[in-house]
Amino acid sequence: LLDLNENGEERVLFCGGKGGGGNIHFKNAVRR
């Protein structure tokens, strides 16, 4: 997955989970 060969080399294995959207994103013409 990662091969770290150089001093100071910085590699992301995987990113953190994305934050969920607030209810402002779920408002529409039907769901007020």
PDB file of all heavy atoms in Angstrom:
ATOM      1  N   LEU A   1       0.818  -1.205   0.000  1.00  0.00           N
ATOM      2  CA  LEU A   1       0.000   0.000   0.000  1.00  0.00           C
ATOM      3  C   LEU A   1       0.856   1.261   0.000  1.00  0.00           C
ATOM      4  O   LEU A   1       0.578   2.197  -0.742  1.00  0.00           O
ATOM      5  CB  LEU A   1      -0.930   0.015   1.222  1.00  0.00           C
ATOM      6  CG  LEU A   1      -1.826  -1.215   1.384  1.00  0.00           C
ATOM      7  CD1 LEU A   1      -2.648  -1.101   2.663  1.00  0.00           C
ATOM      8  CD2 LEU A   1      -2.746  -1.383   0.181  1.00  0.00           C
ATOM      9  N   LEU A   2       1.900   1.286   0.825  1.00  0.00           N
ATOM     10  CA  LEU A   2       2.793   2.440   0.913  1.00  0.00           C
ATOM     11  C   LEU A   2       4.231   1.947   0.992  1.00  0.00           C
ATOM     12  O   LEU A   2       4.517   0.948   1.663  1.00  0.00           O
ATOM     13  CB  LEU A   2       2.486   3.288   2.161  1.00  0.00           C
ATOM     14  CG  LEU A   2       1.094   3.905   2.301  1.00  0.00           C
ATOM     15  CD1 LEU A   2       0.984   4.647   3.628  1.00  0.00           C
ATOM     16  CD2 LEU A   2       0.778   4.830   1.152  1.00  0.00           C
ATOM     17  N   ASP A   3       5.127   2.650   0.334  1.00  0.00           N
ATOM     18  CA  ASP A   3       6.559   2.340   0.375  1.00  0.00           C
ATOM     19  C   ASP A   3       7.284   3.632   0.735  1.00  0.00           C
ATOM     20  O   ASP A   3       7.382   4.540  -0.087  1.00  0.00           O
ATOM     21  CB  ASP A   3       7.009   1.819  -0.989  1.00  0.00           C
ATOM     22  CG  ASP A   3       8.382   1.166  -0.932  1.00  0.00           C
ATOM     23  OD1 ASP A   3       9.021   1.242   0.140  1.00  0.00           O
ATOM     24  OD2 ASP A   3       8.815   0.589  -1.937  1.00  0.00           O
ATOM     25  N   LEU A   4       7.746   3.717   1.972  1.00  0.00           N
ATOM     26  CA  LEU A   4       8.321   4.966   2.492  1.00  0.00           C
ATOM     27  C   LEU A   4       9.840   4.895   2.432  1.00  0.00           C
ATOM     28  O   LEU A   4      10.491   4.279   3.269  1.00  0.00           O
ATOM     29  CB  LEU A   4       7.841   5.172   3.936  1.00  0.00           C
ATOM     30  CG  LEU A   4       6.306   5.287   4.050  1.00  0.00           C
ATOM     31  CD1 LEU A   4       5.829   4.815   5.400  1.00  0.00           C
ATOM     32  CD2 LEU A   4       5.857   6.698   3.795  1.00  0.00           C
ATOM     33  N   ASN A   5      10.400   5.557   1.409  1.00  0.00           N
ATOM     34  CA  ASN A   5      11.824   5.423   1.117  1.00  0.00           C
ATOM     35  C   ASN A   5      12.686   6.609   1.518  1.00  0.00           C
ATOM     36  O   ASN A   5      13.905   6.472   1.598  1.00  0.00           O
ATOM     37  CB  ASN A   5      12.021   5.200  -0.389  1.00  0.00           C
ATOM     38  CG  ASN A   5      11.572   3.824  -0.823  1.00  0.00           C
ATOM     39  OD1 ASN A   5      11.693   2.874  -0.068  1.00  0.00           O
ATOM     40  ND2 ASN A   5      11.030   3.717  -2.016  1.00  0.00           N
ATOM     41  N   GLU A   6      12.083   7.768   1.747  1.00  0.00           N
ATOM     42  CA  GLU A   6      12.875   8.973   1.982  1.00  0.00           C
ATOM     43  C   GLU A   6      12.531   9.598   3.326  1.00  0.00           C
ATOM     44  O   GLU A   6      11.366   9.615   3.735  1.00  0.00           O
ATOM     45  CB  GLU A   6      12.639   9.993   0.863  1.00  0.00           C
ATOM     46  CG  GLU A   6      13.039   9.490  -0.517  1.00  0.00           C
ATOM     47  CD  GLU A   6      12.758  10.517  -1.598  1.00  0.00           C
ATOM     48  OE1 GLU A   6      12.375  11.645  -1.233  1.00  0.00           O
ATOM     49  OE2 GLU A   6      12.919  10.185  -2.782  1.00  0.00           O
ATOM     50  N   ASN A   7      13.560  10.121   3.998  1.00  0.00           N
ATOM     51  CA  ASN A   7      13.344  10.763   5.285  1.00  0.00           C
ATOM     52  C   ASN A   7      12.380  11.944   5.132  1.00  0.00           C
ATOM     53  O   ASN A   7      12.510  12.769   4.231  1.00  0.00           O
ATOM     54  CB  ASN A   7      14.674  11.258   5.856  1.00  0.00           C
ATOM     55  CG  ASN A   7      14.499  11.908   7.213  1.00  0.00           C
ATOM     56  OD1 ASN A   7      13.773  11.396   8.068  1.00  0.00           O
ATOM     57  ND2 ASN A   7      15.146  13.041   7.413  1.00  0.00           N
ATOM     58  N   GLY A   8      11.393  12.011   6.006  1.00  0.00           N
ATOM     59  CA  GLY A   8      10.411  13.082   5.960  1.00  0.00           C
ATOM     60  C   GLY A   8       9.253  12.816   5.014  1.00  0.00           C
ATOM     61  O   GLY A   8       8.313  13.616   4.949  1.00  0.00           O
ATOM     62  N   GLU A   9       9.303  11.711   4.264  1.00  0.00           N
ATOM     63  CA  GLU A   9       8.207  11.399   3.336  1.00  0.00           C
ATOM     64  C   GLU A   9       6.911  11.200   4.118  1.00  0.00           C
ATOM     65  O   GLU A   9       6.858  10.456   5.079  1.00  0.00           O
ATOM     66  CB  GLU A   9       8.548  10.139   2.545  1.00  0.00           C
ATOM     67  CG  GLU A   9       7.539   9.793   1.467  1.00  0.00           C
ATOM     68  CD  GLU A   9       7.949   8.594   0.639  1.00  0.00           C
ATOM     69  OE1 GLU A   9       9.031   8.022   0.924  1.00  0.00           O
ATOM     70  OE2 GLU A   9       7.206   8.226  -0.280  1.00  0.00           O
ATOM     71  N   GLU A  10       5.865  11.871   3.677  1.00  0.00           N
ATOM     72  CA  GLU A  10       4.571  11.845   4.368  1.00  0.00           C
ATOM     73  C   GLU A  10       3.508  11.321   3.412  1.00  0.00           C
ATOM     74  O   GLU A  10       3.290  11.876   2.351  1.00  0.00           O
ATOM     75  CB  GLU A  10       4.217  13.251   4.856  1.00  0.00           C
ATOM     76  CG  GLU A  10       2.970  13.334   5.711  1.00  0.00           C
ATOM     77  CD  GLU A  10       2.761  14.719   6.294  1.00  0.00           C
ATOM     78  OE1 GLU A  10       3.720  15.265   6.894  1.00  0.00           O
ATOM     79  OE2 GLU A  10       1.650  15.258   6.133  1.00  0.00           O
ATOM     80  N   ARG A  11       2.848  10.216   3.807  1.00  0.00           N
ATOM     81  CA  ARG A  11       1.861   9.584   2.928  1.00  0.00           C
ATOM     82  C   ARG A  11       0.561   9.338   3.691  1.00  0.00           C
ATOM     83  O   ARG A  11       0.576   8.824   4.814  1.00  0.00           O
ATOM     84  CB  ARG A  11       2.392   8.246   2.406  1.00  0.00           C
ATOM     85  CG  ARG A  11       3.717   8.311   1.642  1.00  0.00           C
ATOM     86  CD  ARG A  11       3.528   8.831   0.244  1.00  0.00           C
ATOM     87  NE  ARG A  11       2.593   8.032  -0.524  1.00  0.00           N
ATOM     88  CZ  ARG A  11       2.923   6.888  -1.133  1.00  0.00           C
ATOM     89  NH1 ARG A  11       4.169   6.433  -1.060  1.00  0.00           N
ATOM     90  NH2 ARG A  11       2.026   6.209  -1.810  1.00  0.00           N
ATOM     91  N   VAL A  12      -0.550   9.683   3.061  1.00  0.00           N
ATOM     92  CA  VAL A  12      -1.864   9.424   3.654  1.00  0.00           C
ATOM     93  C   VAL A  12      -2.321   8.033   3.228  1.00  0.00           C
ATOM     94  O   VAL A  12      -2.423   7.747   2.034  1.00  0.00           O
ATOM     95  CB  VAL A  12      -2.892  10.479   3.200  1.00  0.00           C
ATOM     96  CG1 VAL A  12      -4.276  10.155   3.756  1.00  0.00           C
ATOM     97  CG2 VAL A  12      -2.456  11.871   3.634  1.00  0.00           C
ATOM     98  N   LEU A  13      -2.582   7.166   4.203  1.00  0.00           N
ATOM     99  CA  LEU A  13      -3.091   5.832   3.872  1.00  0.00           C
ATOM    100  C   LEU A  13      -4.549   5.939   3.452  1.00  0.00           C
ATOM    101  O   LEU A  13      -4.934   5.464   2.385  1.00  0.00           O
ATOM    102  CB  LEU A  13      -2.944   4.889   5.060  1.00  0.00           C
ATOM    103  CG  LEU A  13      -3.422   3.460   4.808  1.00  0.00           C
ATOM    104  CD1 LEU A  13      -2.598   2.808   3.700  1.00  0.00           C
ATOM    105  CD2 LEU A  13      -3.346   2.623   6.086  1.00  0.00           C
ATOM    106  N   PHE A  14      -5.379   6.540   4.284  1.00  0.00           N
ATOM    107  CA  PHE A  14      -6.732   6.898   3.880  1.00  0.00           C
ATOM    108  C   PHE A  14      -7.248   8.050   4.727  1.00  0.00           C
ATOM    109  O   PHE A  14      -6.807   8.273   5.843  1.00  0.00           O
ATOM    110  CB  PHE A  14      -7.721   5.724   3.888  1.00  0.00           C
ATOM    111  CG  PHE A  14      -7.587   4.773   5.039  1.00  0.00           C
ATOM    112  CD1 PHE A  14      -7.840   5.179   6.338  1.00  0.00           C
ATOM    113  CD2 PHE A  14      -7.226   3.449   4.824  1.00  0.00           C
ATOM    114  CE1 PHE A  14      -7.746   4.305   7.400  1.00  0.00           C
ATOM    115  CE2 PHE A  14      -7.114   2.561   5.874  1.00  0.00           C
ATOM    116  CZ  PHE A  14      -7.378   2.991   7.163  1.00  0.00           C
ATOM    117  N   CYS A  15      -8.181   8.779   4.149  1.00  0.00           N
ATOM    118  CA  CYS A  15      -8.729   9.979   4.801  1.00  0.00           C
ATOM    119  C   CYS A  15      -9.812   9.595   5.790  1.00  0.00           C
ATOM    120  O   CYS A  15     -10.398   8.510   5.725  1.00  0.00           O
ATOM    121  CB  CYS A  15      -9.289  10.941   3.757  1.00  0.00           C
ATOM    122  SG  CYS A  15      -8.052  11.606   2.628  1.00  0.00           S
ATOM    123  N   GLY A  16     -10.090  10.529   6.698  1.00  0.00           N
ATOM    124  CA  GLY A  16     -11.149  10.297   7.671  1.00  0.00           C
ATOM    125  C   GLY A  16     -12.520  10.342   7.029  1.00  0.00           C
ATOM    126  O   GLY A  16     -12.699  10.791   5.897  1.00  0.00           O
ATOM    127  N   GLY A  17     -13.521   9.872   7.790  1.00  0.00           N
ATOM    128  CA  GLY A  17     -14.884   9.883   7.292  1.00  0.00           C
ATOM    129  C   GLY A  17     -15.403  11.299   7.095  1.00  0.00           C
ATOM    130  O   GLY A  17     -15.082  12.207   7.871  1.00  0.00           O
ATOM    131  N   LYS A  18     -16.196  11.491   6.084  1.00  0.00           N
ATOM    132  CA  LYS A  18     -16.739  12.819   5.795  1.00  0.00           C
ATOM    133  C   LYS A  18     -17.860  13.151   6.768  1.00  0.00           C
ATOM    134  O   LYS A  18     -18.683  12.296   7.116  1.00  0.00           O
ATOM    135  CB  LYS A  18     -17.261  12.870   4.358  1.00  0.00           C
ATOM    136  CG  LYS A  18     -17.701  14.254   3.921  1.00  0.00           C
ATOM    137  CD  LYS A  18     -18.129  14.246   2.459  1.00  0.00           C
ATOM    138  CE  LYS A  18     -18.558  15.647   2.019  1.00  0.00           C
ATOM    139  NZ  LYS A  18     -18.995  15.667   0.601  1.00  0.00           N
ATOM    140  N   GLY A  19     -17.896  14.403   7.201  1.00  0.00           N
ATOM    141  CA  GLY A  19     -18.954  14.825   8.104  1.00  0.00           C
ATOM    142  C   GLY A  19     -20.306  14.852   7.416  1.00  0.00           C
ATOM    143  O   GLY A  19     -20.408  15.113   6.212  1.00  0.00           O
ATOM    144  N   GLY A  20     -21.360  14.567   8.181  1.00  0.00           N
ATOM    145  CA  GLY A  20     -22.708  14.568   7.622  1.00  0.00           C
ATOM    146  C   GLY A  20     -23.253  15.975   7.463  1.00  0.00           C
ATOM    147  O   GLY A  20     -22.884  16.899   8.197  1.00  0.00           O
ATOM    148  N   GLY A  21     -24.134  16.160   6.506  1.00  0.00           N
ATOM    149  CA  GLY A  21     -24.732  17.472   6.268  1.00  0.00           C
ATOM    150  C   GLY A  21     -25.852  17.768   7.257  1.00  0.00           C
ATOM    151  O   GLY A  21     -26.585  16.864   7.679  1.00  0.00           O
ATOM    152  N   GLY A  22     -25.973  19.010   7.650  1.00  0.00           N
ATOM    153  CA  GLY A  22     -27.070  19.413   8.520  1.00  0.00           C
ATOM    154  C   GLY A  22     -28.392  19.393   7.780  1.00  0.00           C
ATOM    155  O   GLY A  22     -28.443  19.251   6.545  1.00  0.00           O
ATOM    156  N   ASN A  23     -29.493  19.558   8.544  1.00  0.00           N
ATOM    157  CA  ASN A  23     -30.808  19.441   7.891  1.00  0.00           C
ATOM    158  C   ASN A  23     -31.106  20.582   6.929  1.00  0.00           C
ATOM    159  O   ASN A  23     -32.067  20.521   6.161  1.00  0.00           O
ATOM    160  CB  ASN A  23     -31.918  19.304   8.934  1.00  0.00           C
ATOM    161  CG  ASN A  23     -32.057  20.520   9.830  1.00  0.00           C
ATOM    162  OD1 ASN A  23     -31.143  21.351   9.918  1.00  0.00           O
ATOM    163  ND2 ASN A  23     -33.193  20.624  10.506  1.00  0.00           N
ATOM    164  N   ILE A  24     -30.269  21.607   6.913  1.00  0.00           N
ATOM    165  CA  ILE A  24     -30.479  22.671   5.924  1.00  0.00           C
ATOM    166  C   ILE A  24     -30.317  22.135   4.501  1.00  0.00           C
ATOM    167  O   ILE A  24     -30.855  22.703   3.551  1.00  0.00           O
ATOM    168  CB  ILE A  24     -29.502  23.848   6.155  1.00  0.00           C
ATOM    169  CG1 ILE A  24     -28.045  23.379   6.092  1.00  0.00           C
ATOM    170  CG2 ILE A  24     -29.787  24.543   7.460  1.00  0.00           C
ATOM    171  CD1 ILE A  24     -27.034  24.508   6.160  1.00  0.00           C
ATOM    172  N   HIS A  25     -29.583  21.028   4.348  1.00  0.00           N
ATOM    173  CA  HIS A  25     -29.356  20.452   3.017  1.00  0.00           C
ATOM    174  C   HIS A  25     -30.521  19.575   2.564  1.00  0.00           C
ATOM    175  O   HIS A  25     -30.562  19.154   1.402  1.00  0.00           O
ATOM    176  CB  HIS A  25     -28.076  19.623   3.014  1.00  0.00           C
ATOM    177  CG  HIS A  25     -26.839  20.399   3.364  1.00  0.00           C
ATOM    178  ND1 HIS A  25     -26.285  21.332   2.524  1.00  0.00           N
ATOM    179  CD2 HIS A  25     -26.070  20.406   4.488  1.00  0.00           C
ATOM    180  CE1 HIS A  25     -25.205  21.862   3.097  1.00  0.00           C
ATOM    181  NE2 HIS A  25     -25.065  21.326   4.294  1.00  0.00           N
ATOM    182  N   PHE A  26     -31.439  19.253   3.478  1.00  0.00           N
ATOM    183  CA  PHE A  26     -32.532  18.331   3.147  1.00  0.00           C
ATOM    184  C   PHE A  26     -33.848  19.073   2.904  1.00  0.00           C
ATOM    185  O   PHE A  26     -34.883  18.466   2.667  1.00  0.00           O
ATOM    186  CB  PHE A  26     -32.716  17.306   4.273  1.00  0.00           C
ATOM    187  CG  PHE A  26     -31.557  16.376   4.429  1.00  0.00           C
ATOM    188  CD1 PHE A  26     -30.438  16.749   5.166  1.00  0.00           C
ATOM    189  CD2 PHE A  26     -31.560  15.139   3.815  1.00  0.00           C
ATOM    190  CE1 PHE A  26     -29.352  15.900   5.303  1.00  0.00           C
ATOM    191  CE2 PHE A  26     -30.482  14.281   3.943  1.00  0.00           C
ATOM    192  CZ  PHE A  26     -29.371  14.669   4.676  1.00  0.00           C
ATOM    193  N   LYS A  27     -33.806  20.375   2.965  1.00  0.00           N
ATOM    194  CA  LYS A  27     -35.010  21.171   2.730  1.00  0.00           C
ATOM    195  C   LYS A  27     -35.275  21.269   1.232  1.00  0.00           C
ATOM    196  O   LYS A  27     -34.374  21.504   0.436  1.00  0.00           O
ATOM    197  CB  LYS A  27     -34.827  22.571   3.325  1.00  0.00           C
ATOM    198  CG  LYS A  27     -36.031  23.483   3.132  1.00  0.00           C
ATOM    199  CD  LYS A  27     -35.763  24.863   3.730  1.00  0.00           C
ATOM    200  CE  LYS A  27     -36.932  25.803   3.487  1.00  0.00           C
ATOM    201  NZ  LYS A  27     -36.692  27.159   4.053  1.00  0.00           N
ATOM    202  N   ASN A  28     -36.547  21.068   0.870  1.00  0.00           N
ATOM    203  CA  ASN A  28     -36.936  21.246  -0.526  1.00  0.00           C
ATOM    204  C   ASN A  28     -38.379  21.740  -0.569  1.00  0.00           C
ATOM    205  O   ASN A  28     -38.980  22.043   0.479  1.00  0.00           O
ATOM    206  CB  ASN A  28     -36.756  19.955  -1.337  1.00  0.00           C
ATOM    207  CG  ASN A  28     -37.487  18.788  -0.725  1.00  0.00           C
ATOM    208  OD1 ASN A  28     -38.589  18.940  -0.196  1.00  0.00           O
ATOM    209  ND2 ASN A  28     -36.880  17.597  -0.800  1.00  0.00           N
ATOM    210  N   ALA A  29     -38.964  21.806  -1.749  1.00  0.00           N
ATOM    211  CA  ALA A  29     -40.303  22.371  -1.889  1.00  0.00           C
ATOM    212  C   ALA A  29     -41.350  21.524  -1.177  1.00  0.00           C
ATOM    213  O   ALA A  29     -42.382  22.040  -0.726  1.00  0.00           O
ATOM    214  CB  ALA A  29     -40.660  22.504  -3.368  1.00  0.00           C
ATOM    215  N   VAL A  30     -41.092  20.218  -1.082  1.00  0.00           N
ATOM    216  CA  VAL A  30     -42.052  19.322  -0.421  1.00  0.00           C
ATOM    217  C   VAL A  30     -41.746  19.206   1.061  1.00  0.00           C
ATOM    218  O   VAL A  30     -42.625  19.292   1.914  1.00  0.00           O
ATOM    219  CB  VAL A  30     -42.030  17.931  -1.092  1.00  0.00           C
ATOM    220  CG1 VAL A  30     -42.951  16.964  -0.362  1.00  0.00           C
ATOM    221  CG2 VAL A  30     -42.405  18.053  -2.561  1.00  0.00           C
ATOM    222  N   ARG A  31     -40.473  18.997   1.389  1.00  0.00           N
ATOM    223  CA  ARG A  31     -40.053  18.823   2.786  1.00  0.00           C
ATOM    224  C   ARG A  31     -39.542  20.158   3.297  1.00  0.00           C
ATOM    225  O   ARG A  31     -38.370  20.493   3.149  1.00  0.00           O
ATOM    226  CB  ARG A  31     -38.975  17.741   2.879  1.00  0.00           C
ATOM    227  CG  ARG A  31     -38.642  17.338   4.301  1.00  0.00           C
ATOM    228  CD  ARG A  31     -37.387  16.466   4.368  1.00  0.00           C
ATOM    229  NE  ARG A  31     -37.571  15.202   3.675  1.00  0.00           N
ATOM    230  CZ  ARG A  31     -36.846  14.797   2.649  1.00  0.00           C
ATOM    231  NH1 ARG A  31     -35.878  15.574   2.181  1.00  0.00           N
ATOM    232  NH2 ARG A  31     -37.052  13.627   2.079  1.00  0.00           N
ATOM    233  N   ARG A  32     -40.431  20.953   3.908  1.00  0.00           N
ATOM    234  CA  ARG A  32     -40.054  22.289   4.349  1.00  0.00           C
ATOM    235  C   ARG A  32     -39.365  22.286   5.716  1.00  0.00           C
ATOM    236  O   ARG A  32     -38.638  23.217   6.046  1.00  0.00           O
ATOM    237  CB  ARG A  32     -41.309  23.182   4.431  1.00  0.00           C
ATOM    238  CG  ARG A  32     -42.091  23.288   3.137  1.00  0.00           C
ATOM    239  CD  ARG A  32     -41.228  23.864   2.031  1.00  0.00           C
ATOM    240  NE  ARG A  32     -40.807  25.212   2.364  1.00  0.00           N
ATOM    241  CZ  ARG A  32     -41.322  26.307   1.842  1.00  0.00           C
ATOM    242  NH1 ARG A  32     -42.270  26.207   0.929  1.00  0.00           N
ATOM    243  NH2 ARG A  32     -40.877  27.507   2.189  1.00  0.00           N
TER     244      ARG A  32
END
